[in-house]
């Protein structure tokens, strides 16, 4: 991926969100989708730092984490934690840590999300 991917964020993110939010997605597909999201965050961070994009990703990660709550998919959970922290780091660098306050509010409302956003 490169900066050309910046123009396609509005097309790519709905596909990623659909996969992450589906409770019936198999672990191998979740793993591949999370790795794709990681590449997008690394390569298209200027566009992803826009609230319209990072809020979609944040919502999808939270829903995916909630769907996996009772499963023992350690690899997928570790991947989710890693990409969640990457999202927070990328966006907070660009948006003066606005996302940090949003994540703190989410964790305060739903303490089960603490593990998702902790290193």
PDB file of N, CA and C in Angstrom:
ATOM      1  N   UNK A   1       0.840  -1.177   0.000  1.00  0.00           N
ATOM      2  CA  UNK A   1       0.000   0.000   0.000  1.00  0.00           C
ATOM      3  C   UNK A   1       0.884   1.239   0.000  1.00  0.00           C
ATOM      4  N   UNK A   2       0.337   2.276  -0.510  1.00  0.00           N
ATOM      5  CA  UNK A   2       1.042   3.546  -0.517  1.00  0.00           C
ATOM      6  C   UNK A   2       0.024   4.669  -0.429  1.00  0.00           C
ATOM      7  N   UNK A   3       0.439   5.864  -0.751  1.00  0.00           N
ATOM      8  CA  UNK A   3      -0.457   7.004  -0.606  1.00  0.00           C
ATOM      9  C   UNK A   3      -1.639   6.957  -1.573  1.00  0.00           C
ATOM     10  N   UNK A   4      -1.586   6.120  -2.590  1.00  0.00           N
ATOM     11  CA  UNK A   4      -2.734   5.954  -3.474  1.00  0.00           C
ATOM     12  C   UNK A   4      -3.912   5.399  -2.681  1.00  0.00           C
ATOM     13  N   UNK A   5      -3.618   4.611  -1.661  1.00  0.00           N
ATOM     14  CA  UNK A   5      -4.681   4.024  -0.850  1.00  0.00           C
ATOM     15  C   UNK A   5      -5.472   5.091  -0.085  1.00  0.00           C
ATOM     16  N   UNK A   6      -4.910   6.270   0.058  1.00  0.00           N
ATOM     17  CA  UNK A   6      -5.615   7.336   0.766  1.00  0.00           C
ATOM     18  C   UNK A   6      -6.956   7.658   0.117  1.00  0.00           C
ATOM     19  N   UNK A   7      -7.012   7.593  -1.184  1.00  0.00           N
ATOM     20  CA  UNK A   7      -8.251   7.943  -1.871  1.00  0.00           C
ATOM     21  C   UNK A   7      -9.299   6.846  -1.780  1.00  0.00           C
ATOM     22  N   UNK A   8      -8.921   5.673  -1.347  1.00  0.00           N
ATOM     23  CA  UNK A   8      -9.849   4.541  -1.306  1.00  0.00           C
ATOM     24  C   UNK A   8     -10.302   4.174   0.102  1.00  0.00           C
ATOM     25  N   UNK A   9      -9.983   4.976   1.079  1.00  0.00           N
ATOM     26  CA  UNK A   9     -10.343   4.651   2.464  1.00  0.00           C
ATOM     27  C   UNK A   9     -11.846   4.478   2.626  1.00  0.00           C
ATOM     28  N   UNK A  10     -12.619   5.343   1.983  1.00  0.00           N
ATOM     29  CA  UNK A  10     -14.076   5.249   2.128  1.00  0.00           C
ATOM     30  C   UNK A  10     -14.628   3.972   1.498  1.00  0.00           C
ATOM     31  N   UNK A  11     -13.884   3.335   0.614  1.00  0.00           N
ATOM     32  CA  UNK A  11     -14.318   2.078   0.000  1.00  0.00           C
ATOM     33  C   UNK A  11     -13.808   0.857   0.758  1.00  0.00           C
ATOM     34  N   UNK A  12     -12.631   0.966   1.334  1.00  0.00           N
ATOM     35  CA  UNK A  12     -12.001  -0.164   2.008  1.00  0.00           C
ATOM     36  C   UNK A  12     -12.551  -0.367   3.420  1.00  0.00           C
ATOM     37  N   UNK A  13     -12.743   0.704   4.146  1.00  0.00           N
ATOM     38  CA  UNK A  13     -13.155   0.593   5.549  1.00  0.00           C
ATOM     39  C   UNK A  13     -14.500  -0.101   5.764  1.00  0.00           C
ATOM     40  N   UNK A  14     -15.509   0.118   4.926  1.00  0.00           N
ATOM     41  CA  UNK A  14     -16.759  -0.621   5.137  1.00  0.00           C
ATOM     42  C   UNK A  14     -16.595  -2.150   5.010  1.00  0.00           C
ATOM     43  N   UNK A  15     -15.725  -2.576   4.111  1.00  0.00           N
ATOM     44  CA  UNK A  15     -15.483  -4.009   3.947  1.00  0.00           C
ATOM     45  C   UNK A  15     -14.809  -4.564   5.201  1.00  0.00           C
ATOM     46  N   UNK A  16     -13.799  -3.861   5.685  1.00  0.00           N
ATOM     47  CA  UNK A  16     -13.096  -4.286   6.897  1.00  0.00           C
ATOM     48  C   UNK A  16     -14.048  -4.293   8.087  1.00  0.00           C
ATOM     49  N   UNK A  17     -14.862  -3.263   8.206  1.00  0.00           N
ATOM     50  CA  UNK A  17     -15.816  -3.179   9.316  1.00  0.00           C
ATOM     51  C   UNK A  17     -16.813  -4.326   9.291  1.00  0.00           C
ATOM     52  N   UNK A  18     -17.315  -4.645   8.124  1.00  0.00           N
ATOM     53  CA  UNK A  18     -18.280  -5.737   8.001  1.00  0.00           C
ATOM     54  C   UNK A  18     -17.684  -7.053   8.489  1.00  0.00           C
ATOM     55  N   UNK A  19     -16.462  -7.319   8.109  1.00  0.00           N
ATOM     56  CA  UNK A  19     -15.798  -8.563   8.526  1.00  0.00           C
ATOM     57  C   UNK A  19     -15.556  -8.561  10.029  1.00  0.00           C
ATOM     58  N   UNK A  20     -15.041  -7.462  10.562  1.00  0.00           N
ATOM     59  CA  UNK A  20     -14.738  -7.399  11.993  1.00  0.00           C
ATOM     60  C   UNK A  20     -15.995  -7.491  12.859  1.00  0.00           C
ATOM     61  N   UNK A  21     -17.082  -6.921  12.403  1.00  0.00           N
ATOM     62  CA  UNK A  21     -18.295  -6.859  13.214  1.00  0.00           C
ATOM     63  C   UNK A  21     -19.166  -8.112  13.119  1.00  0.00           C
ATOM     64  N   UNK A  22     -18.897  -8.967  12.160  1.00  0.00           N
ATOM     65  CA  UNK A  22     -19.691 -10.186  11.993  1.00  0.00           C
ATOM     66  C   UNK A  22     -19.284 -11.219  13.045  1.00  0.00           C
ATOM     67  N   UNK A  23     -20.205 -11.619  13.910  1.00  0.00           N
ATOM     68  CA  UNK A  23     -19.852 -12.577  14.967  1.00  0.00           C
ATOM     69  C   UNK A  23     -19.542 -13.985  14.436  1.00  0.00           C
ATOM     70  N   UNK A  24     -19.839 -14.238  13.167  1.00  0.00           N
ATOM     71  CA  UNK A  24     -19.611 -15.563  12.600  1.00  0.00           C
ATOM     72  C   UNK A  24     -18.363 -15.631  11.726  1.00  0.00           C
ATOM     73  N   UNK A  25     -17.586 -14.572  11.691  1.00  0.00           N
ATOM     74  CA  UNK A  25     -16.342 -14.575  10.924  1.00  0.00           C
ATOM     75  C   UNK A  25     -15.365 -15.557  11.555  1.00  0.00           C
ATOM     76  N   UNK A  26     -14.754 -16.391  10.726  1.00  0.00           N
ATOM     77  CA  UNK A  26     -13.813 -17.395  11.244  1.00  0.00           C
ATOM     78  C   UNK A  26     -12.498 -16.717  11.651  1.00  0.00           C
ATOM     79  N   UNK A  27     -11.786 -17.313  12.611  1.00  0.00           N
ATOM     80  CA  UNK A  27     -10.550 -16.694  13.126  1.00  0.00           C
ATOM     81  C   UNK A  27      -9.508 -16.383  12.051  1.00  0.00           C
ATOM     82  N   UNK A  28      -9.358 -17.241  11.052  1.00  0.00           N
ATOM     83  CA  UNK A  28      -8.367 -17.001  10.006  1.00  0.00           C
ATOM     84  C   UNK A  28      -8.705 -15.739   9.212  1.00  0.00           C
ATOM     85  N   UNK A  29      -9.986 -15.521   8.951  1.00  0.00           N
ATOM     86  CA  UNK A  29     -10.401 -14.324   8.225  1.00  0.00           C
ATOM     87  C   UNK A  29     -10.241 -13.080   9.103  1.00  0.00           C
ATOM     88  N   UNK A  30     -10.536 -13.214  10.393  1.00  0.00           N
ATOM     89  CA  UNK A  30     -10.318 -12.086  11.308  1.00  0.00           C
ATOM     90  C   UNK A  30      -8.843 -11.707  11.345  1.00  0.00           C
ATOM     91  N   UNK A  31      -7.992 -12.718  11.445  1.00  0.00           N
ATOM     92  CA  UNK A  31      -6.545 -12.473  11.489  1.00  0.00           C
ATOM     93  C   UNK A  31      -6.094 -11.720  10.228  1.00  0.00           C
ATOM     94  N   UNK A  32      -6.518 -12.187   9.054  1.00  0.00           N
ATOM     95  CA  UNK A  32      -6.124 -11.542   7.797  1.00  0.00           C
ATOM     96  C   UNK A  32      -6.677 -10.114   7.709  1.00  0.00           C
ATOM     97  N   UNK A  33      -7.891  -9.911   8.174  1.00  0.00           N
ATOM     98  CA  UNK A  33      -8.503  -8.588   8.137  1.00  0.00           C
ATOM     99  C   UNK A  33      -7.790  -7.630   9.076  1.00  0.00           C
ATOM    100  N   UNK A  34      -7.432  -8.103  10.245  1.00  0.00           N
ATOM    101  CA  UNK A  34      -6.712  -7.259  11.199  1.00  0.00           C
ATOM    102  C   UNK A  34      -5.335  -6.893  10.661  1.00  0.00           C
ATOM    103  N   UNK A  35      -4.673  -7.827  10.015  1.00  0.00           N
ATOM    104  CA  UNK A  35      -3.370  -7.528   9.409  1.00  0.00           C
ATOM    105  C   UNK A  35      -3.518  -6.509   8.270  1.00  0.00           C
ATOM    106  N   UNK A  36      -4.601  -6.604   7.523  1.00  0.00           N
ATOM    107  CA  UNK A  36      -4.877  -5.616   6.472  1.00  0.00           C
ATOM    108  C   UNK A  36      -5.107  -4.240   7.082  1.00  0.00           C
ATOM    109  N   UNK A  37      -5.887  -4.207   8.154  1.00  0.00           N
ATOM    110  CA  UNK A  37      -6.136  -2.946   8.847  1.00  0.00           C
ATOM    111  C   UNK A  37      -4.843  -2.357   9.391  1.00  0.00           C
ATOM    112  N   UNK A  38      -3.978  -3.201   9.895  1.00  0.00           N
ATOM    113  CA  UNK A  38      -2.682  -2.732  10.396  1.00  0.00           C
ATOM    114  C   UNK A  38      -1.889  -2.056   9.268  1.00  0.00           C
ATOM    115  N   UNK A  39      -1.871  -2.667   8.098  1.00  0.00           N
ATOM    116  CA  UNK A  39      -1.162  -2.081   6.954  1.00  0.00           C
ATOM    117  C   UNK A  39      -1.788  -0.744   6.547  1.00  0.00           C
ATOM    118  N   UNK A  40      -3.107  -0.673   6.595  1.00  0.00           N
ATOM    119  CA  UNK A  40      -3.789   0.578   6.260  1.00  0.00           C
ATOM    120  C   UNK A  40      -3.424   1.674   7.259  1.00  0.00           C
ATOM    121  N   UNK A  41      -3.413   1.329   8.542  1.00  0.00           N
ATOM    122  CA  UNK A  41      -3.068   2.324   9.566  1.00  0.00           C
ATOM    123  C   UNK A  41      -1.643   2.830   9.390  1.00  0.00           C
ATOM    124  N   UNK A  42      -0.752   1.951   9.043  1.00  0.00           N
ATOM    125  CA  UNK A  42       0.648   2.339   8.879  1.00  0.00           C
ATOM    126  C   UNK A  42       0.845   3.189   7.628  1.00  0.00           C
ATOM    127  N   UNK A  43       0.171   2.831   6.550  1.00  0.00           N
ATOM    128  CA  UNK A  43       0.414   3.487   5.264  1.00  0.00           C
ATOM    129  C   UNK A  43      -0.523   4.640   4.940  1.00  0.00           C
ATOM    130  N   UNK A  44      -1.714   4.635   5.520  1.00  0.00           N
ATOM    131  CA  UNK A  44      -2.685   5.672   5.181  1.00  0.00           C
ATOM    132  C   UNK A  44      -3.092   6.469   6.414  1.00  0.00           C
ATOM    133  N   UNK A  45      -2.185   6.611   7.367  1.00  0.00           N
ATOM    134  CA  UNK A  45      -2.518   7.264   8.629  1.00  0.00           C
ATOM    135  C   UNK A  45      -3.032   8.700   8.475  1.00  0.00           C
ATOM    136  N   UNK A  46      -2.578   9.475   7.481  1.00  0.00           N
ATOM    137  CA  UNK A  46      -3.144  10.840   7.404  1.00  0.00           C
ATOM    138  C   UNK A  46      -4.654  10.833   7.171  1.00  0.00           C
ATOM    139  N   UNK A  47      -5.120   9.940   6.334  1.00  0.00           N
ATOM    140  CA  UNK A  47      -6.552   9.865   6.045  1.00  0.00           C
ATOM    141  C   UNK A  47      -7.305   9.192   7.185  1.00  0.00           C
ATOM    142  N   UNK A  48      -6.716   8.172   7.771  1.00  0.00           N
ATOM    143  CA  UNK A  48      -7.358   7.438   8.856  1.00  0.00           C
ATOM    144  C   UNK A  48      -7.502   8.324  10.092  1.00  0.00           C
ATOM    145  N   UNK A  49      -6.663   9.316  10.241  1.00  0.00           N
ATOM    146  CA  UNK A  49      -6.723  10.206  11.404  1.00  0.00           C
ATOM    147  C   UNK A  49      -7.933  11.131  11.386  1.00  0.00           C
ATOM    148  N   UNK A  50      -8.658  11.162  10.288  1.00  0.00           N
ATOM    149  CA  UNK A  50      -9.886  11.952  10.228  1.00  0.00           C
ATOM    150  C   UNK A  50     -10.957  11.241  11.055  1.00  0.00           C
ATOM    151  N   UNK A  51     -11.702  11.982  11.878  1.00  0.00           N
ATOM    152  CA  UNK A  51     -12.702  11.343  12.756  1.00  0.00           C
ATOM    153  C   UNK A  51     -13.694  10.449  12.027  1.00  0.00           C
ATOM    154  N   UNK A  52     -14.090  10.819  10.829  1.00  0.00           N
ATOM    155  CA  UNK A  52     -15.055  10.010  10.095  1.00  0.00           C
ATOM    156  C   UNK A  52     -14.513   8.602   9.832  1.00  0.00           C
ATOM    157  N   UNK A  53     -13.210   8.456   9.714  1.00  0.00           N
ATOM    158  CA  UNK A  53     -12.612   7.153   9.449  1.00  0.00           C
ATOM    159  C   UNK A  53     -12.213   6.422  10.737  1.00  0.00           C
ATOM    160  N   UNK A  54     -11.540   7.117  11.637  1.00  0.00           N
ATOM    161  CA  UNK A  54     -11.076   6.396  12.819  1.00  0.00           C
ATOM    162  C   UNK A  54     -12.214   5.974  13.738  1.00  0.00           C
ATOM    163  N   UNK A  55     -13.329   6.694  13.716  1.00  0.00           N
ATOM    164  CA  UNK A  55     -14.467   6.287  14.544  1.00  0.00           C
ATOM    165  C   UNK A  55     -15.100   4.996  14.021  1.00  0.00           C
ATOM    166  N   UNK A  56     -15.104   4.810  12.713  1.00  0.00           N
ATOM    167  CA  UNK A  56     -15.603   3.563  12.118  1.00  0.00           C
ATOM    168  C   UNK A  56     -14.708   2.402  12.547  1.00  0.00           C
ATOM    169  N   UNK A  57     -13.415   2.619  12.499  1.00  0.00           N
ATOM    170  CA  UNK A  57     -12.467   1.570  12.891  1.00  0.00           C
ATOM    171  C   UNK A  57     -12.605   1.269  14.374  1.00  0.00           C
ATOM    172  N   UNK A  58     -12.678   2.296  15.194  1.00  0.00           N
ATOM    173  CA  UNK A  58     -12.810   2.120  16.636  1.00  0.00           C
ATOM    174  C   UNK A  58     -14.062   1.310  16.966  1.00  0.00           C
ATOM    175  N   UNK A  59     -15.170   1.668  16.357  1.00  0.00           N
ATOM    176  CA  UNK A  59     -16.429   0.938  16.573  1.00  0.00           C
ATOM    177  C   UNK A  59     -16.274  -0.532  16.191  1.00  0.00           C
ATOM    178  N   UNK A  60     -15.675  -0.800  15.052  1.00  0.00           N
ATOM    179  CA  UNK A  60     -15.511  -2.175  14.578  1.00  0.00           C
ATOM    180  C   UNK A  60     -14.614  -2.991  15.497  1.00  0.00           C
ATOM    181  N   UNK A  61     -13.544  -2.383  15.994  1.00  0.00           N
ATOM    182  CA  UNK A  61     -12.646  -3.085  16.910  1.00  0.00           C
ATOM    183  C   UNK A  61     -13.347  -3.431  18.215  1.00  0.00           C
ATOM    184  N   UNK A  62     -14.139  -2.509  18.721  1.00  0.00           N
ATOM    185  CA  UNK A  62     -14.874  -2.745  19.967  1.00  0.00           C
ATOM    186  C   UNK A  62     -15.909  -3.858  19.782  1.00  0.00           C
ATOM    187  N   UNK A  63     -16.629  -3.819  18.675  1.00  0.00           N
ATOM    188  CA  UNK A  63     -17.626  -4.870  18.412  1.00  0.00           C
ATOM    189  C   UNK A  63     -16.947  -6.224  18.250  1.00  0.00           C
ATOM    190  N   UNK A  64     -15.854  -6.259  17.527  1.00  0.00           N
ATOM    191  CA  UNK A  64     -15.118  -7.515  17.342  1.00  0.00           C
ATOM    192  C   UNK A  64     -14.632  -8.059  18.685  1.00  0.00           C
ATOM    193  N   UNK A  65     -14.074  -7.188  19.506  1.00  0.00           N
ATOM    194  CA  UNK A  65     -13.592  -7.593  20.830  1.00  0.00           C
ATOM    195  C   UNK A  65     -14.741  -8.158  21.675  1.00  0.00           C
ATOM    196  N   UNK A  66     -15.872  -7.497  21.627  1.00  0.00           N
ATOM    197  CA  UNK A  66     -17.043  -7.949  22.381  1.00  0.00           C
ATOM    198  C   UNK A  66     -17.524  -9.309  21.865  1.00  0.00           C
ATOM    199  N   UNK A  67     -17.495  -9.492  20.564  1.00  0.00           N
ATOM    200  CA  UNK A  67     -17.895 -10.780  19.989  1.00  0.00           C
ATOM    201  C   UNK A  67     -16.962 -11.907  20.409  1.00  0.00           C
ATOM    202  N   UNK A  68     -15.688 -11.589  20.624  1.00  0.00           N
ATOM    203  CA  UNK A  68     -14.690 -12.605  20.990  1.00  0.00           C
ATOM    204  C   UNK A  68     -14.573 -12.811  22.497  1.00  0.00           C
ATOM    205  N   UNK A  69     -15.349 -12.098  23.262  1.00  0.00           N
ATOM    206  CA  UNK A  69     -15.230 -12.088  24.718  1.00  0.00           C
ATOM    207  C   UNK A  69     -15.155 -13.495  25.322  1.00  0.00           C
ATOM    208  N   UNK A  70     -16.008 -14.393  24.869  1.00  0.00           N
ATOM    209  CA  UNK A  70     -16.069 -15.716  25.471  1.00  0.00           C
ATOM    210  C   UNK A  70     -15.271 -16.774  24.710  1.00  0.00           C
ATOM    211  N   UNK A  71     -14.579 -16.368  23.671  1.00  0.00           N
ATOM    212  CA  UNK A  71     -13.810 -17.329  22.884  1.00  0.00           C
ATOM    213  C   UNK A  71     -12.360 -17.361  23.349  1.00  0.00           C
ATOM    214  N   UNK A  72     -11.681 -18.400  22.954  1.00  0.00           N
ATOM    215  CA  UNK A  72     -10.292 -18.570  23.366  1.00  0.00           C
ATOM    216  C   UNK A  72      -9.312 -18.303  22.218  1.00  0.00           C
ATOM    217  N   UNK A  73      -9.685 -17.442  21.311  1.00  0.00           N
ATOM    218  CA  UNK A  73      -8.847 -17.103  20.158  1.00  0.00           C
ATOM    219  C   UNK A  73      -7.741 -16.128  20.576  1.00  0.00           C
ATOM    220  N   UNK A  74      -6.712 -16.641  21.195  1.00  0.00           N
ATOM    221  CA  UNK A  74      -5.645 -15.801  21.730  1.00  0.00           C
ATOM    222  C   UNK A  74      -4.946 -14.998  20.633  1.00  0.00           C
ATOM    223  N   UNK A  75      -4.671 -15.640  19.492  1.00  0.00           N
ATOM    224  CA  UNK A  75      -3.948 -14.951  18.412  1.00  0.00           C
ATOM    225  C   UNK A  75      -4.759 -13.767  17.893  1.00  0.00           C
ATOM    226  N   UNK A  76      -6.055 -13.980  17.676  1.00  0.00           N
ATOM    227  CA  UNK A  76      -6.910 -12.903  17.174  1.00  0.00           C
ATOM    228  C   UNK A  76      -7.036 -11.794  18.210  1.00  0.00           C
ATOM    229  N   UNK A  77      -7.177 -12.168  19.479  1.00  0.00           N
ATOM    230  CA  UNK A  77      -7.265 -11.153  20.533  1.00  0.00           C
ATOM    231  C   UNK A  77      -5.972 -10.346  20.624  1.00  0.00           C
ATOM    232  N   UNK A  78      -4.839 -11.018  20.511  1.00  0.00           N
ATOM    233  CA  UNK A  78      -3.556 -10.306  20.528  1.00  0.00           C
ATOM    234  C   UNK A  78      -3.437  -9.365  19.324  1.00  0.00           C
ATOM    235  N   UNK A  79      -3.884  -9.836  18.153  1.00  0.00           N
ATOM    236  CA  UNK A  79      -3.873  -8.991  16.951  1.00  0.00           C
ATOM    237  C   UNK A  79      -4.758  -7.762  17.154  1.00  0.00           C
ATOM    238  N   UNK A  80      -5.934  -7.974  17.733  1.00  0.00           N
ATOM    239  CA  UNK A  80      -6.861  -6.858  17.981  1.00  0.00           C
ATOM    240  C   UNK A  80      -6.258  -5.841  18.941  1.00  0.00           C
ATOM    241  N   UNK A  81      -5.624  -6.323  19.995  1.00  0.00           N
ATOM    242  CA  UNK A  81      -4.989  -5.417  20.949  1.00  0.00           C
ATOM    243  C   UNK A  81      -3.903  -4.592  20.266  1.00  0.00           C
ATOM    244  N   UNK A  82      -3.109  -5.258  19.464  1.00  0.00           N
ATOM    245  CA  UNK A  82      -1.999  -4.579  18.784  1.00  0.00           C
ATOM    246  C   UNK A  82      -2.520  -3.489  17.839  1.00  0.00           C
ATOM    247  N   UNK A  83      -3.523  -3.816  17.042  1.00  0.00           N
ATOM    248  CA  UNK A  83      -4.036  -2.839  16.078  1.00  0.00           C
ATOM    249  C   UNK A  83      -4.820  -1.727  16.778  1.00  0.00           C
ATOM    250  N   UNK A  84      -5.451  -2.036  17.905  1.00  0.00           N
ATOM    251  CA  UNK A  84      -6.153  -1.004  18.676  1.00  0.00           C
ATOM    252  C   UNK A  84      -5.171   0.019  19.228  1.00  0.00           C
ATOM    253  N   UNK A  85      -4.078  -0.450  19.767  1.00  0.00           N
ATOM    254  CA  UNK A  85      -3.056   0.461  20.273  1.00  0.00           C
ATOM    255  C   UNK A  85      -2.417   1.267  19.140  1.00  0.00           C
ATOM    256  N   UNK A  86      -2.228   0.623  17.992  1.00  0.00           N
ATOM    257  CA  UNK A  86      -1.699   1.331  16.828  1.00  0.00           C
ATOM    258  C   UNK A  86      -2.654   2.434  16.391  1.00  0.00           C
ATOM    259  N   UNK A  87      -3.942   2.139  16.359  1.00  0.00           N
ATOM    260  CA  UNK A  87      -4.940   3.153  15.999  1.00  0.00           C
ATOM    261  C   UNK A  87      -4.860   4.343  16.943  1.00  0.00           C
ATOM    262  N   UNK A  88      -4.829   4.075  18.226  1.00  0.00           N
ATOM    263  CA  UNK A  88      -4.764   5.161  19.215  1.00  0.00           C
ATOM    264  C   UNK A  88      -3.494   5.984  19.030  1.00  0.00           C
ATOM    265  N   UNK A  89      -2.375   5.325  18.807  1.00  0.00           N
ATOM    266  CA  UNK A  89      -1.109   6.041  18.630  1.00  0.00           C
ATOM    267  C   UNK A  89      -1.100   6.882  17.361  1.00  0.00           C
ATOM    268  N   UNK A  90      -1.579   6.306  16.272  1.00  0.00           N
ATOM    269  CA  UNK A  90      -1.590   7.031  14.994  1.00  0.00           C
ATOM    270  C   UNK A  90      -2.511   8.233  15.064  1.00  0.00           C
ATOM    271  N   UNK A  91      -3.699   8.042  15.584  1.00  0.00           N
ATOM    272  CA  UNK A  91      -4.674   9.127  15.615  1.00  0.00           C
ATOM    273  C   UNK A  91      -4.304  10.173  16.653  1.00  0.00           C
ATOM    274  N   UNK A  92      -3.804   9.763  17.813  1.00  0.00           N
ATOM    275  CA  UNK A  92      -3.467  10.744  18.845  1.00  0.00           C
ATOM    276  C   UNK A  92      -2.313  11.636  18.404  1.00  0.00           C
ATOM    277  N   UNK A  93      -1.418  11.126  17.595  1.00  0.00           N
ATOM    278  CA  UNK A  93      -0.331  11.932  17.060  1.00  0.00           C
ATOM    279  C   UNK A  93      -0.879  13.041  16.171  1.00  0.00           C
ATOM    280  N   UNK A  94      -1.872  12.724  15.403  1.00  0.00           N
ATOM    281  CA  UNK A  94      -2.434  13.667  14.434  1.00  0.00           C
ATOM    282  C   UNK A  94      -3.505  14.581  15.048  1.00  0.00           C
ATOM    283  N   UNK A  95      -4.276  14.093  16.010  1.00  0.00           N
ATOM    284  CA  UNK A  95      -5.430  14.834  16.528  1.00  0.00           C
ATOM    285  C   UNK A  95      -5.271  15.275  17.983  1.00  0.00           C
ATOM    286  N   UNK A  96      -4.060  15.477  18.438  1.00  0.00           N
ATOM    287  CA  UNK A  96      -3.817  15.972  19.790  1.00  0.00           C
ATOM    288  C   UNK A  96      -4.511  15.147  20.875  1.00  0.00           C
ATOM    289  N   UNK A  97      -4.473  13.872  20.721  1.00  0.00           N
ATOM    290  CA  UNK A  97      -4.949  12.923  21.727  1.00  0.00           C
ATOM    291  C   UNK A  97      -6.459  12.979  21.993  1.00  0.00           C
ATOM    292  N   UNK A  98      -7.232  13.420  21.033  1.00  0.00           N
ATOM    293  CA  UNK A  98      -8.691  13.395  21.164  1.00  0.00           C
ATOM    294  C   UNK A  98      -9.172  11.964  21.336  1.00  0.00           C
ATOM    295  N   UNK A  99      -8.578  11.047  20.582  1.00  0.00           N
ATOM    296  CA  UNK A  99      -9.012   9.652  20.648  1.00  0.00           C
ATOM    297  C   UNK A  99      -8.725   9.045  22.020  1.00  0.00           C
ATOM    298  N   UNK A 100      -7.683   9.497  22.684  1.00  0.00           N
ATOM    299  CA  UNK A 100      -7.364   8.975  24.007  1.00  0.00           C
ATOM    300  C   UNK A 100      -8.517   9.235  24.977  1.00  0.00           C
ATOM    301  N   UNK A 101      -9.092  10.400  24.906  1.00  0.00           N
ATOM    302  CA  UNK A 101     -10.232  10.726  25.776  1.00  0.00           C
ATOM    303  C   UNK A 101     -11.455   9.894  25.398  1.00  0.00           C
ATOM    304  N   UNK A 102     -11.629   9.648  24.104  1.00  0.00           N
ATOM    305  CA  UNK A 102     -12.751   8.820  23.657  1.00  0.00           C
ATOM    306  C   UNK A 102     -12.585   7.379  24.133  1.00  0.00           C
ATOM    307  N   UNK A 103     -11.376   6.867  24.047  1.00  0.00           N
ATOM    308  CA  UNK A 103     -11.105   5.504  24.515  1.00  0.00           C
ATOM    309  C   UNK A 103     -11.286   5.420  26.027  1.00  0.00           C
ATOM    310  N   UNK A 104     -10.811   6.414  26.750  1.00  0.00           N
ATOM    311  CA  UNK A 104     -10.990   6.431  28.206  1.00  0.00           C
ATOM    312  C   UNK A 104     -12.469   6.411  28.580  1.00  0.00           C
ATOM    313  N   UNK A 105     -13.276   7.157  27.836  1.00  0.00           N
ATOM    314  CA  UNK A 105     -14.715   7.171  28.093  1.00  0.00           C
ATOM    315  C   UNK A 105     -15.342   5.813  27.791  1.00  0.00           C
ATOM    316  N   UNK A 106     -14.892   5.169  26.720  1.00  0.00           N
ATOM    317  CA  UNK A 106     -15.388   3.830  26.392  1.00  0.00           C
ATOM    318  C   UNK A 106     -15.047   2.830  27.492  1.00  0.00           C
ATOM    319  N   UNK A 107     -13.813   2.859  27.945  1.00  0.00           N
ATOM    320  CA  UNK A 107     -13.372   1.928  28.988  1.00  0.00           C
ATOM    321  C   UNK A 107     -14.103   2.206  30.301  1.00  0.00           C
ATOM    322  N   UNK A 108     -14.341   3.476  30.609  1.00  0.00           N
ATOM    323  CA  UNK A 108     -15.079   3.815  31.827  1.00  0.00           C
ATOM    324  C   UNK A 108     -16.508   3.270  31.763  1.00  0.00           C
ATOM    325  N   UNK A 109     -17.105   3.326  30.573  1.00  0.00           N
ATOM    326  CA  UNK A 109     -18.473   2.843  30.413  1.00  0.00           C
ATOM    327  C   UNK A 109     -18.540   1.315  30.344  1.00  0.00           C
ATOM    328  N   UNK A 110     -17.505   0.712  29.775  1.00  0.00           N
ATOM    329  CA  UNK A 110     -17.465  -0.747  29.604  1.00  0.00           C
ATOM    330  C   UNK A 110     -16.079  -1.254  30.016  1.00  0.00           C
ATOM    331  N   UNK A 111     -15.865  -1.545  31.280  1.00  0.00           N
ATOM    332  CA  UNK A 111     -14.547  -1.958  31.769  1.00  0.00           C
ATOM    333  C   UNK A 111     -13.959  -3.184  31.060  1.00  0.00           C
ATOM    334  N   UNK A 112     -14.803  -3.994  30.407  1.00  0.00           N
ATOM    335  CA  UNK A 112     -14.269  -5.156  29.680  1.00  0.00           C
ATOM    336  C   UNK A 112     -13.383  -4.742  28.508  1.00  0.00           C
ATOM    337  N   UNK A 113     -13.454  -3.477  28.113  1.00  0.00           N
ATOM    338  CA  UNK A 113     -12.624  -2.986  27.006  1.00  0.00           C
ATOM    339  C   UNK A 113     -11.224  -2.584  27.453  1.00  0.00           C
ATOM    340  N   UNK A 114     -11.000  -2.565  28.747  1.00  0.00           N
ATOM    341  CA  UNK A 114      -9.689  -2.167  29.265  1.00  0.00           C
ATOM    342  C   UNK A 114      -8.579  -3.033  28.689  1.00  0.00           C
ATOM    343  N   UNK A 115      -8.809  -4.326  28.602  1.00  0.00           N
ATOM    344  CA  UNK A 115      -7.781  -5.229  28.081  1.00  0.00           C
ATOM    345  C   UNK A 115      -7.482  -4.945  26.610  1.00  0.00           C
ATOM    346  N   UNK A 116      -8.497  -4.522  25.850  1.00  0.00           N
ATOM    347  CA  UNK A 116      -8.300  -4.224  24.427  1.00  0.00           C
ATOM    348  C   UNK A 116      -7.351  -3.059  24.228  1.00  0.00           C
ATOM    349  N   UNK A 117      -7.409  -2.067  25.088  1.00  0.00           N
ATOM    350  CA  UNK A 117      -6.611  -0.852  24.905  1.00  0.00           C
ATOM    351  C   UNK A 117      -5.413  -0.754  25.837  1.00  0.00           C
ATOM    352  N   UNK A 118      -5.059  -1.845  26.487  1.00  0.00           N
ATOM    353  CA  UNK A 118      -3.871  -1.818  27.349  1.00  0.00           C
ATOM    354  C   UNK A 118      -2.770  -2.664  26.722  1.00  0.00           C
ATOM    355  N   UNK A 119      -1.550  -2.255  26.971  1.00  0.00           N
ATOM    356  CA  UNK A 119      -0.417  -2.975  26.362  1.00  0.00           C
ATOM    357  C   UNK A 119       0.042  -4.144  27.175  1.00  0.00           C
TER     358      UNK A 119
END
